[in-house]
């Protein structure tokens, strides 16, 4: 998938064992993923991350959440 910075996009994981390899250019977005991962690691199992907190993390890295998380496929 290739997206421009102005195109809203997303994905959902439907596997406990999936691995994802993403490429970004220019570099820098990895700091968002590091901060988001550190926060998500503090969320109790079975509980969803707080959308407001995730939005604040995104904003610190020049990103904007534009909709609710995509639900898993059933």
PDB file of N, CA and C in Angstrom:
ATOM      1  N   UNK A   1       0.853  -1.158   0.000  1.00  0.00           N
ATOM      2  CA  UNK A   1       0.000   0.000   0.000  1.00  0.00           C
ATOM      3  C   UNK A   1       0.902   1.225   0.000  1.00  0.00           C
ATOM      4  N   UNK A   2       0.567   2.165  -0.809  1.00  0.00           N
ATOM      5  CA  UNK A   2       1.286   3.431  -0.844  1.00  0.00           C
ATOM      6  C   UNK A   2       0.268   4.548  -0.652  1.00  0.00           C
ATOM      7  N   UNK A   3       0.541   5.441   0.278  1.00  0.00           N
ATOM      8  CA  UNK A   3      -0.394   6.545   0.527  1.00  0.00           C
ATOM      9  C   UNK A   3       0.367   7.851   0.623  1.00  0.00           C
ATOM     10  N   UNK A   4      -0.264   8.869   0.164  1.00  0.00           N
ATOM     11  CA  UNK A   4       0.287  10.212   0.346  1.00  0.00           C
ATOM     12  C   UNK A   4      -0.039  10.676   1.761  1.00  0.00           C
ATOM     13  N   UNK A   5       0.633  11.683   2.236  1.00  0.00           N
ATOM     14  CA  UNK A   5       0.404  12.146   3.607  1.00  0.00           C
ATOM     15  C   UNK A   5      -0.970  12.765   3.797  1.00  0.00           C
ATOM     16  N   UNK A   6      -1.682  13.070   2.727  1.00  0.00           N
ATOM     17  CA  UNK A   6      -2.997  13.699   2.881  1.00  0.00           C
ATOM     18  C   UNK A   6      -4.136  12.697   2.726  1.00  0.00           C
ATOM     19  N   UNK A   7      -3.846  11.425   2.540  1.00  0.00           N
ATOM     20  CA  UNK A   7      -4.887  10.418   2.354  1.00  0.00           C
ATOM     21  C   UNK A   7      -5.083   9.654   3.657  1.00  0.00           C
ATOM     22  N   UNK A   8      -6.303   9.724   4.202  1.00  0.00           N
ATOM     23  CA  UNK A   8      -6.600   8.960   5.418  1.00  0.00           C
ATOM     24  C   UNK A   8      -6.585   7.479   5.075  1.00  0.00           C
ATOM     25  N   UNK A   9      -5.985   6.683   5.947  1.00  0.00           N
ATOM     26  CA  UNK A   9      -5.887   5.250   5.695  1.00  0.00           C
ATOM     27  C   UNK A   9      -5.780   4.509   7.025  1.00  0.00           C
ATOM     28  N   UNK A  10      -5.939   3.215   6.979  1.00  0.00           N
ATOM     29  CA  UNK A  10      -5.824   2.417   8.184  1.00  0.00           C
ATOM     30  C   UNK A  10      -5.856   0.945   7.851  1.00  0.00           C
ATOM     31  N   UNK A  11      -5.651   0.140   8.859  1.00  0.00           N
ATOM     32  CA  UNK A  11      -5.740  -1.302   8.707  1.00  0.00           C
ATOM     33  C   UNK A  11      -6.067  -1.907  10.054  1.00  0.00           C
ATOM     34  N   UNK A  12      -6.486  -3.153  10.033  1.00  0.00           N
ATOM     35  CA  UNK A  12      -6.766  -3.882  11.264  1.00  0.00           C
ATOM     36  C   UNK A  12      -6.046  -5.222  11.212  1.00  0.00           C
ATOM     37  N   UNK A  13      -5.642  -5.702  12.362  1.00  0.00           N
ATOM     38  CA  UNK A  13      -4.960  -6.998  12.451  1.00  0.00           C
ATOM     39  C   UNK A  13      -5.981  -8.037  12.905  1.00  0.00           C
ATOM     40  N   UNK A  14      -6.039  -9.145  12.217  1.00  0.00           N
ATOM     41  CA  UNK A  14      -6.977 -10.210  12.550  1.00  0.00           C
ATOM     42  C   UNK A  14      -6.246 -11.491  12.915  1.00  0.00           C
ATOM     43  N   UNK A  15      -5.064 -11.371  13.467  1.00  0.00           N
ATOM     44  CA  UNK A  15      -4.247 -12.526  13.803  1.00  0.00           C
ATOM     45  C   UNK A  15      -3.409 -12.209  15.032  1.00  0.00           C
ATOM     46  N   UNK A  16      -3.287 -13.189  15.912  1.00  0.00           N
ATOM     47  CA  UNK A  16      -2.420 -13.017  17.072  1.00  0.00           C
ATOM     48  C   UNK A  16      -0.953 -13.209  16.713  1.00  0.00           C
ATOM     49  N   UNK A  17      -0.684 -13.731  15.523  1.00  0.00           N
ATOM     50  CA  UNK A  17       0.687 -14.044  15.142  1.00  0.00           C
ATOM     51  C   UNK A  17       1.171 -13.259  13.936  1.00  0.00           C
ATOM     52  N   UNK A  18       0.391 -12.312  13.463  1.00  0.00           N
ATOM     53  CA  UNK A  18       0.771 -11.549  12.268  1.00  0.00           C
ATOM     54  C   UNK A  18       1.995 -10.687  12.542  1.00  0.00           C
ATOM     55  N   UNK A  19       2.772 -10.473  11.490  1.00  0.00           N
ATOM     56  CA  UNK A  19       3.911  -9.554  11.538  1.00  0.00           C
ATOM     57  C   UNK A  19       3.732  -8.578  10.389  1.00  0.00           C
ATOM     58  N   UNK A  20       4.118  -7.332  10.624  1.00  0.00           N
ATOM     59  CA  UNK A  20       3.942  -6.286   9.629  1.00  0.00           C
ATOM     60  C   UNK A  20       5.278  -5.586   9.418  1.00  0.00           C
ATOM     61  N   UNK A  21       5.594  -5.340   8.165  1.00  0.00           N
ATOM     62  CA  UNK A  21       6.795  -4.594   7.824  1.00  0.00           C
ATOM     63  C   UNK A  21       6.350  -3.349   7.065  1.00  0.00           C
ATOM     64  N   UNK A  22       6.648  -2.188   7.612  1.00  0.00           N
ATOM     65  CA  UNK A  22       6.235  -0.929   7.008  1.00  0.00           C
ATOM     66  C   UNK A  22       7.466  -0.112   6.629  1.00  0.00           C
ATOM     67  N   UNK A  23       7.374   0.594   5.533  1.00  0.00           N
ATOM     68  CA  UNK A  23       8.430   1.503   5.096  1.00  0.00           C
ATOM     69  C   UNK A  23       7.852   2.911   5.029  1.00  0.00           C
ATOM     70  N   UNK A  24       8.590   3.877   5.543  1.00  0.00           N
ATOM     71  CA  UNK A  24       8.153   5.265   5.517  1.00  0.00           C
ATOM     72  C   UNK A  24       9.284   6.138   5.005  1.00  0.00           C
ATOM     73  N   UNK A  25       8.935   7.147   4.286  1.00  0.00           N
ATOM     74  CA  UNK A  25       9.913   8.119   3.830  1.00  0.00           C
ATOM     75  C   UNK A  25       9.226   9.466   3.743  1.00  0.00           C
ATOM     76  N   UNK A  26       9.812  10.496   4.227  1.00  0.00           N
ATOM     77  CA  UNK A  26      11.092  10.508   4.926  1.00  0.00           C
ATOM     78  C   UNK A  26      10.961   9.901   6.328  1.00  0.00           C
ATOM     79  N   UNK A  27      12.083   9.635   6.933  1.00  0.00           N
ATOM     80  CA  UNK A  27      12.112   9.029   8.267  1.00  0.00           C
ATOM     81  C   UNK A  27      11.518   9.971   9.303  1.00  0.00           C
ATOM     82  N   UNK A  28      11.125   9.426  10.432  1.00  0.00           N
ATOM     83  CA  UNK A  28      10.621  10.228  11.539  1.00  0.00           C
ATOM     84  C   UNK A  28       9.385   9.651  12.186  1.00  0.00           C
ATOM     85  N   UNK A  29       8.538   8.992  11.419  1.00  0.00           N
ATOM     86  CA  UNK A  29       7.290   8.470  11.963  1.00  0.00           C
ATOM     87  C   UNK A  29       7.532   7.343  12.968  1.00  0.00           C
ATOM     88  N   UNK A  30       8.737   6.780  12.970  1.00  0.00           N
ATOM     89  CA  UNK A  30       9.028   5.701  13.907  1.00  0.00           C
ATOM     90  C   UNK A  30       8.906   6.171  15.361  1.00  0.00           C
ATOM     91  N   UNK A  31       9.114   7.465  15.594  1.00  0.00           N
ATOM     92  CA  UNK A  31       8.953   7.996  16.952  1.00  0.00           C
ATOM     93  C   UNK A  31       7.500   7.901  17.410  1.00  0.00           C
ATOM     94  N   UNK A  32       6.553   8.101  16.486  1.00  0.00           N
ATOM     95  CA  UNK A  32       5.137   7.915  16.820  1.00  0.00           C
ATOM     96  C   UNK A  32       4.893   6.473  17.248  1.00  0.00           C
ATOM     97  N   UNK A  33       5.393   5.517  16.477  1.00  0.00           N
ATOM     98  CA  UNK A  33       5.172   4.111  16.792  1.00  0.00           C
ATOM     99  C   UNK A  33       5.813   3.733  18.126  1.00  0.00           C
ATOM    100  N   UNK A  34       6.982   4.272  18.419  1.00  0.00           N
ATOM    101  CA  UNK A  34       7.627   3.987  19.706  1.00  0.00           C
ATOM    102  C   UNK A  34       6.788   4.507  20.875  1.00  0.00           C
ATOM    103  N   UNK A  35       6.331   5.748  20.758  1.00  0.00           N
ATOM    104  CA  UNK A  35       5.540   6.327  21.849  1.00  0.00           C
ATOM    105  C   UNK A  35       4.198   5.614  21.984  1.00  0.00           C
ATOM    106  N   UNK A  36       3.542   5.332  20.868  1.00  0.00           N
ATOM    107  CA  UNK A  36       2.255   4.633  20.916  1.00  0.00           C
ATOM    108  C   UNK A  36       2.420   3.230  21.499  1.00  0.00           C
ATOM    109  N   UNK A  37       3.470   2.516  21.106  1.00  0.00           N
ATOM    110  CA  UNK A  37       3.704   1.168  21.628  1.00  0.00           C
ATOM    111  C   UNK A  37       3.968   1.200  23.133  1.00  0.00           C
ATOM    112  N   UNK A  38       4.728   2.198  23.590  1.00  0.00           N
ATOM    113  CA  UNK A  38       5.004   2.316  25.025  1.00  0.00           C
ATOM    114  C   UNK A  38       3.714   2.550  25.797  1.00  0.00           C
ATOM    115  N   UNK A  39       2.830   3.386  25.253  1.00  0.00           N
ATOM    116  CA  UNK A  39       1.545   3.621  25.918  1.00  0.00           C
ATOM    117  C   UNK A  39       0.686   2.360  25.902  1.00  0.00           C
ATOM    118  N   UNK A  40       0.541   1.736  24.738  1.00  0.00           N
ATOM    119  CA  UNK A  40      -0.322   0.556  24.611  1.00  0.00           C
ATOM    120  C   UNK A  40       0.157  -0.568  25.542  1.00  0.00           C
ATOM    121  N   UNK A  41       1.446  -0.655  25.788  1.00  0.00           N
ATOM    122  CA  UNK A  41       1.980  -1.679  26.692  1.00  0.00           C
ATOM    123  C   UNK A  41       1.489  -1.493  28.125  1.00  0.00           C
ATOM    124  N   UNK A  42       1.018  -0.292  28.459  1.00  0.00           N
ATOM    125  CA  UNK A  42       0.514  -0.032  29.813  1.00  0.00           C
ATOM    126  C   UNK A  42      -0.976  -0.315  29.944  1.00  0.00           C
ATOM    127  N   UNK A  43      -1.656  -0.559  28.823  1.00  0.00           N
ATOM    128  CA  UNK A  43      -3.098  -0.811  28.846  1.00  0.00           C
ATOM    129  C   UNK A  43      -3.337  -2.262  29.270  1.00  0.00           C
ATOM    130  N   UNK A  44      -4.223  -2.485  30.254  1.00  0.00           N
ATOM    131  CA  UNK A  44      -4.477  -3.859  30.704  1.00  0.00           C
ATOM    132  C   UNK A  44      -4.986  -4.745  29.572  1.00  0.00           C
ATOM    133  N   UNK A  45      -4.605  -6.032  29.590  1.00  0.00           N
ATOM    134  CA  UNK A  45      -5.083  -6.963  28.557  1.00  0.00           C
ATOM    135  C   UNK A  45      -6.603  -6.966  28.472  1.00  0.00           C
ATOM    136  N   UNK A  46      -7.120  -6.985  27.259  1.00  0.00           N
ATOM    137  CA  UNK A  46      -8.563  -6.993  27.035  1.00  0.00           C
ATOM    138  C   UNK A  46      -9.202  -5.620  27.046  1.00  0.00           C
ATOM    139  N   UNK A  47      -8.437  -4.604  27.394  1.00  0.00           N
ATOM    140  CA  UNK A  47      -8.958  -3.232  27.419  1.00  0.00           C
ATOM    141  C   UNK A  47      -8.412  -2.478  26.212  1.00  0.00           C
ATOM    142  N   UNK A  48      -9.260  -1.684  25.596  1.00  0.00           N
ATOM    143  CA  UNK A  48      -8.843  -0.906  24.422  1.00  0.00           C
ATOM    144  C   UNK A  48      -8.042   0.328  24.853  1.00  0.00           C
ATOM    145  N   UNK A  49      -7.061   0.731  24.054  1.00  0.00           N
ATOM    146  CA  UNK A  49      -6.354   1.983  24.345  1.00  0.00           C
ATOM    147  C   UNK A  49      -7.330   3.167  24.309  1.00  0.00           C
ATOM    148  N   UNK A  50      -7.070   4.151  25.128  1.00  0.00           N
ATOM    149  CA  UNK A  50      -7.919   5.337  25.182  1.00  0.00           C
ATOM    150  C   UNK A  50      -7.759   6.159  23.905  1.00  0.00           C
ATOM    151  N   UNK A  51      -8.847   6.378  23.143  1.00  0.00           N
ATOM    152  CA  UNK A  51      -8.739   7.137  21.897  1.00  0.00           C
ATOM    153  C   UNK A  51      -8.182   8.547  22.087  1.00  0.00           C
ATOM    154  N   UNK A  52      -8.522   9.198  23.211  1.00  0.00           N
ATOM    155  CA  UNK A  52      -8.026  10.550  23.451  1.00  0.00           C
ATOM    156  C   UNK A  52      -6.505  10.530  23.620  1.00  0.00           C
ATOM    157  N   UNK A  53      -6.006   9.578  24.384  1.00  0.00           N
ATOM    158  CA  UNK A  53      -4.566   9.469  24.584  1.00  0.00           C
ATOM    159  C   UNK A  53      -3.865   9.156  23.274  1.00  0.00           C
ATOM    160  N   UNK A  54      -4.420   8.235  22.498  1.00  0.00           N
ATOM    161  CA  UNK A  54      -3.824   7.900  21.202  1.00  0.00           C
ATOM    162  C   UNK A  54      -3.837   9.122  20.284  1.00  0.00           C
ATOM    163  N   UNK A  55      -4.907   9.918  20.353  1.00  0.00           N
ATOM    164  CA  UNK A  55      -4.980  11.146  19.555  1.00  0.00           C
ATOM    165  C   UNK A  55      -3.929  12.161  19.960  1.00  0.00           C
ATOM    166  N   UNK A  56      -3.682  12.265  21.264  1.00  0.00           N
ATOM    167  CA  UNK A  56      -2.658  13.184  21.756  1.00  0.00           C
ATOM    168  C   UNK A  56      -1.265  12.745  21.297  1.00  0.00           C
ATOM    169  N   UNK A  57      -1.019  11.444  21.338  1.00  0.00           N
ATOM    170  CA  UNK A  57       0.264  10.923  20.863  1.00  0.00           C
ATOM    171  C   UNK A  57       0.414  11.217  19.373  1.00  0.00           C
ATOM    172  N   UNK A  58      -0.627  10.941  18.610  1.00  0.00           N
ATOM    173  CA  UNK A  58      -0.592  11.198  17.162  1.00  0.00           C
ATOM    174  C   UNK A  58      -0.307  12.672  16.883  1.00  0.00           C
ATOM    175  N   UNK A  59      -0.984  13.565  17.596  1.00  0.00           N
ATOM    176  CA  UNK A  59      -0.816  15.001  17.370  1.00  0.00           C
ATOM    177  C   UNK A  59       0.614  15.458  17.636  1.00  0.00           C
ATOM    178  N   UNK A  60       1.251  14.867  18.637  1.00  0.00           N
ATOM    179  CA  UNK A  60       2.645  15.229  18.925  1.00  0.00           C
ATOM    180  C   UNK A  60       3.582  14.869  17.775  1.00  0.00           C
ATOM    181  N   UNK A  61       3.110  13.998  16.896  1.00  0.00           N
ATOM    182  CA  UNK A  61       3.940  13.538  15.781  1.00  0.00           C
ATOM    183  C   UNK A  61       3.365  13.955  14.426  1.00  0.00           C
ATOM    184  N   UNK A  62       2.529  15.004  14.443  1.00  0.00           N
ATOM    185  CA  UNK A  62       2.005  15.563  13.203  1.00  0.00           C
ATOM    186  C   UNK A  62       0.959  14.717  12.519  1.00  0.00           C
ATOM    187  N   UNK A  63       0.291  13.860  13.276  1.00  0.00           N
ATOM    188  CA  UNK A  63      -0.740  13.002  12.714  1.00  0.00           C
ATOM    189  C   UNK A  63      -2.087  13.326  13.337  1.00  0.00           C
ATOM    190  N   UNK A  64      -3.137  12.860  12.683  1.00  0.00           N
ATOM    191  CA  UNK A  64      -4.490  13.100  13.169  1.00  0.00           C
ATOM    192  C   UNK A  64      -5.309  11.834  12.978  1.00  0.00           C
ATOM    193  N   UNK A  65      -5.967  11.384  14.042  1.00  0.00           N
ATOM    194  CA  UNK A  65      -6.893  10.261  13.922  1.00  0.00           C
ATOM    195  C   UNK A  65      -8.214  10.816  13.405  1.00  0.00           C
ATOM    196  N   UNK A  66      -8.705  10.248  12.317  1.00  0.00           N
ATOM    197  CA  UNK A  66      -9.897  10.810  11.673  1.00  0.00           C
ATOM    198  C   UNK A  66     -11.145   9.953  11.839  1.00  0.00           C
ATOM    199  N   UNK A  67     -11.053   8.873  12.522  1.00  0.00           N
ATOM    200  CA  UNK A  67     -12.240   8.032  12.698  1.00  0.00           C
ATOM    201  C   UNK A  67     -12.013   6.995  13.767  1.00  0.00           C
ATOM    202  N   UNK A  68     -13.058   6.236  14.070  1.00  0.00           N
ATOM    203  CA  UNK A  68     -12.906   5.185  15.062  1.00  0.00           C
ATOM    204  C   UNK A  68     -12.026   4.056  14.527  1.00  0.00           C
ATOM    205  N   UNK A  69     -11.457   3.243  15.410  1.00  0.00           N
ATOM    206  CA  UNK A  69     -10.670   2.107  14.937  1.00  0.00           C
ATOM    207  C   UNK A  69     -11.524   1.180  14.079  1.00  0.00           C
ATOM    208  N   UNK A  70     -10.897   0.569  13.111  1.00  0.00           N
ATOM    209  CA  UNK A  70     -11.604  -0.385  12.270  1.00  0.00           C
ATOM    210  C   UNK A  70     -11.861  -1.663  13.070  1.00  0.00           C
ATOM    211  N   UNK A  71     -13.073  -2.222  12.993  1.00  0.00           N
ATOM    212  CA  UNK A  71     -13.351  -3.463  13.742  1.00  0.00           C
ATOM    213  C   UNK A  71     -12.706  -4.655  13.047  1.00  0.00           C
ATOM    214  N   UNK A  72     -12.395  -5.708  13.808  1.00  0.00           N
ATOM    215  CA  UNK A  72     -11.874  -6.921  13.173  1.00  0.00           C
ATOM    216  C   UNK A  72     -12.924  -7.551  12.260  1.00  0.00           C
ATOM    217  N   UNK A  73     -12.450  -8.225  11.228  1.00  0.00           N
ATOM    218  CA  UNK A  73     -13.390  -8.949  10.379  1.00  0.00           C
ATOM    219  C   UNK A  73     -13.948 -10.130  11.154  1.00  0.00           C
ATOM    220  N   UNK A  74     -15.238 -10.405  10.949  1.00  0.00           N
ATOM    221  CA  UNK A  74     -15.889 -11.486  11.700  1.00  0.00           C
ATOM    222  C   UNK A  74     -15.900 -12.756  11.065  1.00  0.00           C
TER     223      UNK A  74
END
